Amino acid sequence: MPPQTTRSEALRILTRWLQTDEFPDRMLTGSGPSRAFLMEMVYGAVRHRRSLEWLAAQCSDRSPAPAALPALLLGIQQLIFMDGVPDYAAVNDTVNALKASSHSQGQASYVNAILRRIIRERERLLAALARQSIGIRESHPDPLVERWTATFGAARCLALCQWNNSRPGIVVRPRPGADAFDRSRRALIAAGIAFERHPYAPDQFLSIGHGVRVTELPGFRKGELTVHDPATIEAVELLDPQPGQRVLDACASPGGKTALIADRMGSKGELVACDIHADRMSLLRDTLGRLSLPRVELVQADLRQEALPEALTKRPFDRILLDVPCSNTGVLRRRPDARWRFDPQRLRHTVALQRALLDRTALLLKPGGTLVYSTCSLEREENETQIENWLRTHPMFQQTDSRSCFPPTTQTDGAYAAALVAVG
């Protein structure tokens, strides 16, 4: 895809995102270098939205019209936050993409003027941006900055915001077998692919150098690598699935934790993976197919319903992993759009959904069994407070352990997991 076409596609995605709040990753197209360029423009503009809007406002005597905003985000993102993009290309190709868009509404001259002023006054603007509040200069909504400052302190809040704005890389877990890790390391060295052991789990995960597509990694197509963050191991370690057990991964897609469980069970026992939506089931099915895990039983179901498929109710489970939907505040580096969807009302709705899933899945666990509740959230309402409140009304359960990951410290996604044992 030529650069001009790629910018037109980026403009289309950003326009649609601003209008509909759809997930940007589901709108991405293309492959190879053009897709990487497209992702950097789109994700960067989404990630830095507040900073980009502030910069645009410094160069205009009026608020940008809705028709101009996507092009301003796209152009300023290239001029300020992307290395190696010539100024003339960032301006001319972005303005031309806007002119060709059906949403331009005569805004091309306005956008052109703003972008050229950004170039002329770039150093002054960057110095002024550095003096703004954390929310503006690190491009996070104030409600998140305020709650993180109250929870973690100002220094850790700043570190977290900066982490969220850093560029995520590919992290893989070699599988299966005891020699898989060393085998993958040798294959990567032979292929000339840069990598390093991940500091959080150096004997299980490898961080791949930037500029490599995951499909190019040795062993990926054969299912010898899973792609997921090292924070995922915490929930599975608390779950401690054993060969021969009956285990449920209750919210399984895209399948990284399912694969971890299956590899620990060694195809001995019964593993059921469940999710609610057809598109997520398709993603889960693709993941498990690539990893050659046909023995995992897939079930599409809404776990909140009273009547569930027989695969979930025929016998109680020894282990249940409940990786619930959440606010995603622990994975804003990988899902930058989630920061703009955060609000207290949505959080309360999510907490209620998590509670309903906890209530229902707990009924599927056998006495003495373990249920692990996990999130990729940093919010106490979804984590510690959720479990404390639930245990007050479920005295037949006891919490035996919990773990959490704070991204700037662990160099992983944010995560929380609590092990709950049915004791009566």
Protein backbone atom coordinates (compact mmCIF):
# COMPACT_ATOMS: atom_id res chain seq x y z
CA MET A 1 0.00 0.00 0.00
CA PRO A 2 1.65 3.34 -1.08
CA PRO A 3 2.20 5.98 1.64
CA GLN A 4 -0.55 8.22 0.24
CA THR A 5 -3.02 5.33 0.26
CA THR A 6 -1.91 4.34 3.75
CA ARG A 7 -2.56 7.86 5.04
CA SER A 8 -5.98 7.83 3.40
CA GLU A 9 -6.72 4.57 5.21
CA ALA A 10 -5.46 6.02 8.50
CA LEU A 11 -7.70 9.04 8.01
CA ARG A 12 -10.67 6.79 7.32
CA ILE A 13 -10.06 4.80 10.51
CA LEU A 14 -9.57 7.86 12.70
CA THR A 15 -12.69 9.52 11.28
CA ARG A 16 -14.74 6.43 11.96
CA TRP A 17 -13.25 6.00 15.45
CA LEU A 18 -14.12 9.57 16.43
CA GLN A 19 -17.66 9.16 15.08
CA THR A 20 -18.47 5.70 16.42
CA ASP A 21 -15.96 4.84 19.20
CA GLU A 22 -15.33 1.50 17.46
CA PHE A 23 -12.19 -0.44 18.29
CA PRO A 24 -9.39 0.82 15.98
CA ASP A 25 -7.67 -2.57 15.84
CA ARG A 26 -10.75 -4.09 14.21
CA MET A 27 -10.60 -1.53 11.39
CA LEU A 28 -6.95 -2.03 10.45
CA THR A 29 -6.16 -3.42 7.02
CA GLY A 30 -3.11 -4.36 4.97
CA SER A 31 0.00 -6.34 5.77
CA GLY A 32 3.76 -5.98 5.90
CA PRO A 33 5.48 -2.56 6.15
CA SER A 34 2.35 -0.66 5.07
CA ARG A 35 0.39 -2.17 7.95
CA ALA A 36 3.15 -1.30 10.42
CA PHE A 37 3.13 2.31 9.18
CA LEU A 38 -0.66 2.38 9.36
CA MET A 39 -0.66 1.02 12.92
CA GLU A 40 1.92 3.55 14.07
CA MET A 41 -0.12 6.44 12.66
CA VAL A 42 -3.49 5.23 13.93
CA TYR A 43 -2.44 3.95 17.35
CA GLY A 44 -0.18 6.97 17.84
CA ALA A 45 -2.97 9.43 17.03
CA VAL A 46 -5.35 7.57 19.37
CA ARG A 47 -2.72 7.35 22.12
CA HIS A 48 -1.66 11.00 21.92
CA ARG A 49 -5.10 12.42 21.16
CA ARG A 50 -5.25 14.88 24.05
CA SER A 51 -1.73 16.19 23.44
CA LEU A 52 -2.43 16.49 19.71
CA GLU A 53 -5.67 18.40 20.30
CA TRP A 54 -3.85 20.74 22.69
CA LEU A 55 -1.12 21.40 20.09
CA ALA A 56 -3.73 22.11 17.42
CA ALA A 57 -5.51 24.54 19.73
CA GLN A 58 -2.27 26.51 20.22
CA CYS A 59 -2.13 27.10 16.48
CA SER A 60 -5.71 28.17 15.87
CA ASP A 61 -8.06 30.88 17.06
CA ARG A 62 -11.03 28.49 16.97
CA SER A 63 -11.84 24.91 17.85
CA PRO A 64 -11.29 22.50 14.94
CA ALA A 65 -14.44 21.46 13.12
CA PRO A 66 -15.28 17.74 13.44
CA ALA A 67 -14.36 17.31 9.77
CA ALA A 68 -10.86 18.67 10.41
CA LEU A 69 -10.01 16.89 13.65
CA PRO A 70 -9.09 13.44 12.24
CA ALA A 71 -6.65 14.98 9.74
CA LEU A 72 -5.14 17.21 12.43
CA LEU A 73 -4.58 14.21 14.70
CA LEU A 74 -3.03 12.28 11.83
CA GLY A 75 -0.79 15.09 10.64
CA ILE A 76 0.45 16.31 14.02
CA GLN A 77 1.10 12.73 15.12
CA GLN A 78 3.52 12.35 12.22
CA LEU A 79 5.18 15.72 12.78
CA ILE A 80 5.65 15.39 16.54
CA PHE A 81 5.75 11.73 17.53
CA MET A 82 7.00 9.76 14.50
CA ASP A 83 10.68 9.65 13.58
CA GLY A 84 11.72 9.34 9.96
CA VAL A 85 8.62 10.91 8.39
CA PRO A 86 9.57 13.93 6.23
CA ASP A 87 7.64 17.06 7.11
CA TYR A 88 6.55 17.62 3.51
CA ALA A 89 5.13 14.08 3.27
CA ALA A 90 3.31 14.38 6.59
CA VAL A 91 1.66 17.63 5.48
CA ASN A 92 1.07 17.12 1.76
CA ASP A 93 -0.10 13.50 1.91
CA THR A 94 -2.35 14.14 4.89
CA VAL A 95 -3.94 17.21 3.27
CA ASN A 96 -4.39 15.34 -0.01
CA ALA A 97 -5.98 12.44 1.86
CA LEU A 98 -8.40 14.90 3.42
CA LYS A 99 -9.21 16.50 0.06
CA ALA A 100 -10.05 13.05 -1.33
CA SER A 101 -12.22 12.19 1.65
CA SER A 102 -15.98 12.50 1.48
CA HIS A 103 -15.84 14.05 4.97
CA SER A 104 -13.49 16.94 4.10
CA GLN A 105 -16.17 19.67 3.99
CA GLY A 106 -13.67 22.25 2.74
CA GLN A 107 -11.30 21.88 5.71
CA ALA A 108 -8.12 21.16 3.73
CA SER A 109 -6.79 24.75 3.76
CA TYR A 110 -7.39 25.04 7.50
CA VAL A 111 -5.59 21.75 8.23
CA ASN A 112 -2.73 22.71 5.91
CA ALA A 113 -2.25 26.00 7.76
CA ILE A 114 -2.24 24.34 11.19
CA LEU A 115 0.26 21.67 10.16
CA ARG A 116 2.64 24.19 8.62
CA ARG A 117 2.50 26.32 11.75
CA ILE A 118 3.31 23.21 13.80
CA ILE A 119 6.48 22.81 11.73
CA ARG A 120 7.48 26.48 12.12
CA GLU A 121 6.90 26.57 15.88
CA ARG A 122 7.66 22.95 16.78
CA GLU A 123 10.33 23.60 19.40
CA ARG A 124 8.29 26.29 21.18
CA LEU A 125 5.19 24.11 21.15
CA LEU A 126 7.02 21.09 22.55
CA ALA A 127 8.52 23.19 25.33
CA ALA A 128 5.08 24.53 26.18
CA LEU A 129 3.55 21.04 26.09
CA ALA A 130 6.16 19.83 28.58
CA ARG A 131 4.90 22.43 31.08
CA GLN A 132 1.28 21.25 30.97
CA SER A 133 -0.48 18.97 33.43
CA ILE A 134 0.14 15.22 33.30
CA GLY A 135 -3.22 14.66 31.62
CA ILE A 136 -2.35 16.97 28.71
CA ARG A 137 1.33 16.25 28.23
CA GLU A 138 0.95 12.47 28.70
CA SER A 139 -2.45 12.35 26.96
CA HIS A 140 -4.65 10.70 29.59
CA PRO A 141 -8.14 11.69 30.78
CA ASP A 142 -8.16 13.59 34.06
CA PRO A 143 -10.39 11.06 35.89
CA LEU A 144 -7.73 8.37 35.40
CA VAL A 145 -4.87 10.68 36.38
CA GLU A 146 -6.72 11.78 39.51
CA ARG A 147 -7.59 8.26 40.68
CA TRP A 148 -4.11 6.91 39.92
CA THR A 149 -2.51 9.81 41.79
CA ALA A 150 -4.73 9.05 44.80
CA THR A 151 -4.04 5.30 44.58
CA PHE A 152 -0.37 5.12 43.59
CA GLY A 153 1.02 8.58 44.31
CA ALA A 154 2.12 11.26 41.83
CA ALA A 155 5.45 9.68 40.86
CA ARG A 156 3.99 6.23 40.11
CA CYS A 157 1.07 7.80 38.27
CA LEU A 158 3.46 9.67 35.99
CA ALA A 159 5.52 6.51 35.42
CA LEU A 160 2.34 4.63 34.52
CA CYS A 161 1.20 7.26 32.04
CA GLN A 162 4.63 7.29 30.41
CA TRP A 163 4.61 3.50 30.23
CA ASN A 164 1.21 3.57 28.54
CA ASN A 165 2.62 5.87 25.87
CA SER A 166 5.62 3.66 25.13
CA ARG A 167 5.66 1.41 22.09
CA PRO A 168 4.70 -2.19 22.91
CA GLY A 169 6.66 -5.01 21.38
CA ILE A 170 6.05 -8.66 20.61
CA VAL A 171 6.48 -11.06 23.53
CA VAL A 172 6.33 -14.81 22.92
CA ARG A 173 6.29 -17.98 25.00
CA PRO A 174 8.05 -20.97 23.40
CA ARG A 175 6.13 -24.26 23.63
CA PRO A 176 5.67 -27.16 24.12
CA GLY A 177 8.13 -29.25 26.13
CA ALA A 178 11.04 -28.65 28.46
CA ASP A 179 13.50 -27.87 25.66
CA ALA A 180 11.17 -25.46 23.80
CA PHE A 181 12.74 -22.31 25.26
CA ASP A 182 16.29 -23.15 24.21
CA ARG A 183 15.09 -24.50 20.86
CA SER A 184 13.35 -21.20 20.09
CA ARG A 185 16.37 -19.17 21.15
CA ARG A 186 18.59 -21.11 18.79
CA ALA A 187 16.10 -20.71 15.93
CA LEU A 188 15.87 -16.95 16.45
CA ILE A 189 19.65 -16.61 16.50
CA ALA A 190 19.92 -18.65 13.28
CA ALA A 191 17.31 -16.41 11.63
CA GLY A 192 19.14 -13.26 12.68
CA ILE A 193 16.18 -11.97 14.72
CA ALA A 194 17.02 -9.79 17.70
CA PHE A 195 15.49 -10.83 21.02
CA GLU A 196 16.09 -10.85 24.74
CA ARG A 197 14.73 -12.71 27.73
CA HIS A 198 11.81 -10.87 29.24
CA PRO A 199 12.89 -9.53 32.65
CA TYR A 200 9.68 -10.59 34.39
CA ALA A 201 9.82 -14.25 33.36
CA PRO A 202 13.25 -14.75 31.76
CA ASP A 203 12.97 -18.54 31.54
CA GLN A 204 9.54 -18.54 29.88
CA PHE A 205 9.15 -15.46 27.68
CA LEU A 206 11.19 -13.75 24.97
CA SER A 207 10.89 -10.10 23.86
CA ILE A 208 11.33 -9.74 20.11
CA GLY A 209 13.07 -6.72 18.58
CA HIS A 210 10.96 -4.13 16.78
CA GLY A 211 10.45 -4.40 13.04
CA VAL A 212 9.66 -8.12 12.95
CA ARG A 213 6.24 -9.50 12.09
CA VAL A 214 5.09 -12.25 14.41
CA THR A 215 4.27 -14.50 11.44
CA GLU A 216 7.94 -14.35 10.42
CA LEU A 217 9.16 -15.83 13.69
CA PRO A 218 10.59 -19.36 13.45
CA GLY A 219 8.05 -21.87 14.69
CA PHE A 220 5.08 -19.49 14.82
CA ARG A 221 3.10 -21.13 12.03
CA LYS A 222 3.80 -24.55 13.54
CA GLY A 223 2.33 -23.50 16.87
CA GLU A 224 5.66 -23.50 18.70
CA LEU A 225 5.10 -19.95 19.98
CA THR A 226 2.22 -18.28 21.77
CA VAL A 227 1.98 -14.49 21.76
CA HIS A 228 0.90 -13.03 25.08
CA ASP A 229 2.20 -10.90 27.90
CA PRO A 230 4.11 -12.47 30.83
CA ALA A 231 1.52 -11.07 33.24
CA THR A 232 -0.79 -13.86 32.07
CA ILE A 233 1.20 -16.47 33.96
CA GLU A 234 0.13 -15.14 37.35
CA ALA A 235 -3.49 -16.25 37.05
CA VAL A 236 -2.53 -19.66 35.65
CA GLU A 237 0.06 -20.23 38.38
CA LEU A 238 -2.58 -19.50 41.00
CA LEU A 239 -4.97 -21.85 39.19
CA ASP A 240 -2.34 -24.62 39.26
CA PRO A 241 -4.12 -26.93 36.78
CA GLN A 242 -3.05 -30.56 37.04
CA PRO A 243 -3.13 -33.43 34.49
CA GLY A 244 -6.36 -35.37 34.79
CA GLN A 245 -8.43 -32.52 36.21
CA ARG A 246 -11.59 -30.99 34.74
CA VAL A 247 -10.80 -27.31 34.07
CA LEU A 248 -12.83 -24.39 32.72
CA ASP A 249 -11.37 -21.29 31.10
CA ALA A 250 -14.54 -19.25 31.42
CA CYS A 251 -13.71 -16.16 29.31
CA ALA A 252 -11.08 -17.72 27.12
CA SER A 253 -10.56 -15.69 23.93
CA PRO A 254 -8.04 -15.00 22.44
CA GLY A 255 -6.58 -18.17 23.99
CA GLY A 256 -3.22 -17.32 25.55
CA LYS A 257 -4.21 -18.50 29.02
CA THR A 258 -6.04 -21.50 27.53
CA ALA A 259 -2.78 -22.58 25.91
CA LEU A 260 -0.89 -22.12 29.17
CA ILE A 261 -3.42 -24.32 30.96
CA ALA A 262 -3.39 -26.96 28.22
CA ASP A 263 0.40 -27.13 28.19
CA ARG A 264 0.46 -27.62 31.96
CA MET A 265 -2.16 -30.35 31.75
CA GLY A 266 -0.29 -32.14 28.98
CA SER A 267 -3.51 -33.21 27.18
CA LYS A 268 -4.44 -35.28 30.24
CA GLY A 269 -7.79 -34.35 31.64
CA GLU A 270 -10.67 -32.22 30.39
CA LEU A 271 -10.24 -28.59 29.42
CA VAL A 272 -13.28 -26.52 28.39
CA ALA A 273 -12.82 -23.04 26.90
CA CYS A 274 -15.82 -20.74 26.84
CA ASP A 275 -16.62 -17.31 25.43
CA ILE A 276 -19.77 -15.40 24.64
CA HIS A 277 -19.45 -13.83 21.17
CA ALA A 278 -19.10 -15.62 17.83
CA ASP A 279 -16.19 -13.43 16.66
CA ARG A 280 -14.28 -14.13 19.87
CA MET A 281 -15.00 -17.84 19.51
CA SER A 282 -13.59 -17.69 15.99
CA LEU A 283 -10.41 -16.04 17.27
CA LEU A 284 -10.12 -18.64 20.04
CA ARG A 285 -10.66 -21.46 17.54
CA ASP A 286 -7.94 -20.06 15.25
CA THR A 287 -5.47 -19.74 18.13
CA LEU A 288 -6.00 -23.28 19.40
CA GLY A 289 -5.91 -24.66 15.85
CA ARG A 290 -2.52 -23.06 15.16
CA LEU A 291 -1.24 -24.40 18.48
CA SER A 292 -2.51 -27.93 17.71
CA LEU A 293 -4.70 -28.16 20.80
CA PRO A 294 -7.70 -30.07 19.42
CA ARG A 295 -8.57 -31.69 22.75
CA VAL A 296 -9.83 -28.38 24.17
CA GLU A 297 -13.63 -28.36 24.09
CA LEU A 298 -15.00 -25.03 22.86
CA VAL A 299 -18.33 -23.72 24.15
CA GLN A 300 -20.09 -20.50 23.21
CA ALA A 301 -22.27 -19.37 26.10
CA ASP A 302 -23.35 -16.44 28.24
CA LEU A 303 -22.32 -17.57 31.69
CA ARG A 304 -24.85 -15.28 33.34
CA GLN A 305 -27.74 -17.36 32.00
CA GLU A 306 -29.50 -19.89 34.20
CA ALA A 307 -29.57 -22.56 31.49
CA LEU A 308 -26.06 -23.43 30.33
CA PRO A 309 -24.76 -26.00 27.81
CA GLU A 310 -24.25 -29.51 29.13
CA ALA A 311 -20.49 -29.24 28.67
CA LEU A 312 -20.49 -26.70 31.52
CA THR A 313 -22.91 -28.45 33.86
CA LYS A 314 -22.48 -32.21 33.47
CA ARG A 315 -19.87 -32.36 36.26
CA PRO A 316 -18.37 -29.74 38.60
CA PHE A 317 -14.95 -28.39 37.69
CA ASP A 318 -11.77 -28.88 39.70
CA ARG A 319 -10.43 -25.54 38.50
CA ILE A 320 -12.06 -22.47 36.95
CA LEU A 321 -10.24 -19.48 35.49
CA LEU A 322 -12.53 -16.45 35.31
CA ASP A 323 -10.67 -13.77 33.36
CA VAL A 324 -13.47 -11.22 33.41
CA PRO A 325 -14.21 -8.29 31.09
CA CYS A 326 -12.78 -5.16 32.68
CA SER A 327 -11.84 -1.52 32.16
CA ASN A 328 -8.50 -2.58 30.57
CA THR A 329 -6.60 0.09 32.49
CA GLY A 330 -3.67 -2.32 32.83
CA VAL A 331 -3.24 -2.68 29.07
CA LEU A 332 -3.52 0.90 27.83
CA ARG A 333 -0.12 0.59 26.17
CA ARG A 334 -1.55 -2.09 23.86
CA ARG A 335 -5.11 -0.72 23.76
CA PRO A 336 -4.68 3.07 23.77
CA ASP A 337 -8.32 3.70 22.84
CA ALA A 338 -9.51 2.20 26.15
CA ARG A 339 -8.29 5.24 28.09
CA TRP A 340 -10.86 7.43 26.32
CA ARG A 341 -13.72 5.07 27.18
CA PHE A 342 -13.08 5.14 30.92
CA ASP A 343 -15.76 6.79 33.05
CA PRO A 344 -17.28 6.06 36.50
CA GLN A 345 -20.63 4.91 35.12
CA ARG A 346 -18.99 2.43 32.75
CA LEU A 347 -16.80 1.22 35.63
CA ARG A 348 -19.85 0.58 37.83
CA HIS A 349 -21.49 -1.37 35.01
CA THR A 350 -18.34 -3.45 34.52
CA VAL A 351 -18.06 -4.20 38.23
CA ALA A 352 -21.66 -5.42 38.24
CA LEU A 353 -20.98 -7.65 35.25
CA GLN A 354 -17.92 -9.12 36.96
CA ARG A 355 -19.94 -9.81 40.09
CA ALA A 356 -22.64 -11.59 38.06
CA LEU A 357 -20.02 -13.77 36.36
CA LEU A 358 -18.44 -14.59 39.73
CA ASP A 359 -21.81 -15.57 41.19
CA ARG A 360 -22.63 -17.89 38.28
CA THR A 361 -19.29 -19.59 37.71
CA ALA A 362 -18.82 -20.29 41.44
CA LEU A 363 -21.80 -22.66 41.15
CA LEU A 364 -19.85 -24.75 38.61
CA LEU A 365 -16.95 -25.48 41.00
CA LYS A 366 -16.66 -28.66 43.05
CA PRO A 367 -16.05 -28.55 46.82
CA GLY A 368 -12.35 -28.11 47.44
CA GLY A 369 -11.88 -26.71 43.95
CA THR A 370 -10.14 -23.44 43.05
CA LEU A 371 -11.61 -20.50 41.15
CA VAL A 372 -9.15 -17.84 40.01
CA TYR A 373 -10.63 -14.42 39.34
CA SER A 374 -8.43 -12.23 37.15
CA THR A 375 -8.46 -8.89 35.34
CA CYS A 376 -6.15 -6.69 33.28
CA SER A 377 -7.29 -3.71 35.36
CA LEU A 378 -5.49 -1.54 37.91
CA GLU A 379 -8.67 -0.34 39.60
CA ARG A 380 -9.41 -1.51 43.15
CA GLU A 381 -13.15 -1.64 42.44
CA GLU A 382 -12.51 -4.40 39.90
CA ASN A 383 -9.81 -6.14 41.91
CA GLU A 384 -9.30 -6.17 45.68
CA THR A 385 -12.58 -4.46 46.57
CA GLN A 386 -14.54 -6.73 44.23
CA ILE A 387 -13.17 -9.86 45.91
CA GLU A 388 -13.55 -8.47 49.44
CA ASN A 389 -17.21 -7.65 48.80
CA TRP A 390 -17.91 -11.00 47.13
CA LEU A 391 -16.37 -13.02 49.95
CA ARG A 392 -18.58 -11.28 52.51
CA THR A 393 -21.64 -12.85 50.87
CA HIS A 394 -19.97 -16.19 50.01
CA PRO A 395 -18.59 -17.56 53.29
CA MET A 396 -18.11 -21.00 51.72
CA PHE A 397 -15.13 -19.54 49.81
CA GLN A 398 -11.74 -18.44 51.10
CA GLN A 399 -9.08 -16.41 49.36
CA THR A 400 -5.77 -18.25 49.54
CA ASP A 401 -3.54 -15.94 47.52
CA SER A 402 -3.50 -12.95 45.18
CA ARG A 403 -1.02 -11.38 42.80
CA SER A 404 -0.78 -8.16 40.84
CA CYS A 405 1.46 -6.57 38.24
CA PHE A 406 2.14 -2.81 38.07
CA PRO A 407 3.41 -2.17 34.52
CA PRO A 408 6.31 0.28 35.11
CA THR A 409 7.67 -2.02 37.82
CA THR A 410 7.12 -5.43 36.21
CA GLN A 411 7.60 -4.29 32.59
CA THR A 412 4.43 -6.22 31.78
CA ASP A 413 0.77 -5.51 31.28
CA GLY A 414 -1.13 -4.63 34.43
CA ALA A 415 -2.91 -7.60 35.96
CA TYR A 416 -4.64 -8.84 39.09
CA ALA A 417 -5.54 -12.39 40.13
CA ALA A 418 -7.06 -13.89 43.27
CA ALA A 419 -7.38 -17.61 44.12
CA LEU A 420 -10.69 -18.56 45.77
CA VAL A 421 -11.13 -22.04 47.22
CA ALA A 422 -14.54 -23.63 47.85
CA VAL A 423 -14.13 -24.88 51.42
CA GLY A 424 -17.69 -25.77 52.36
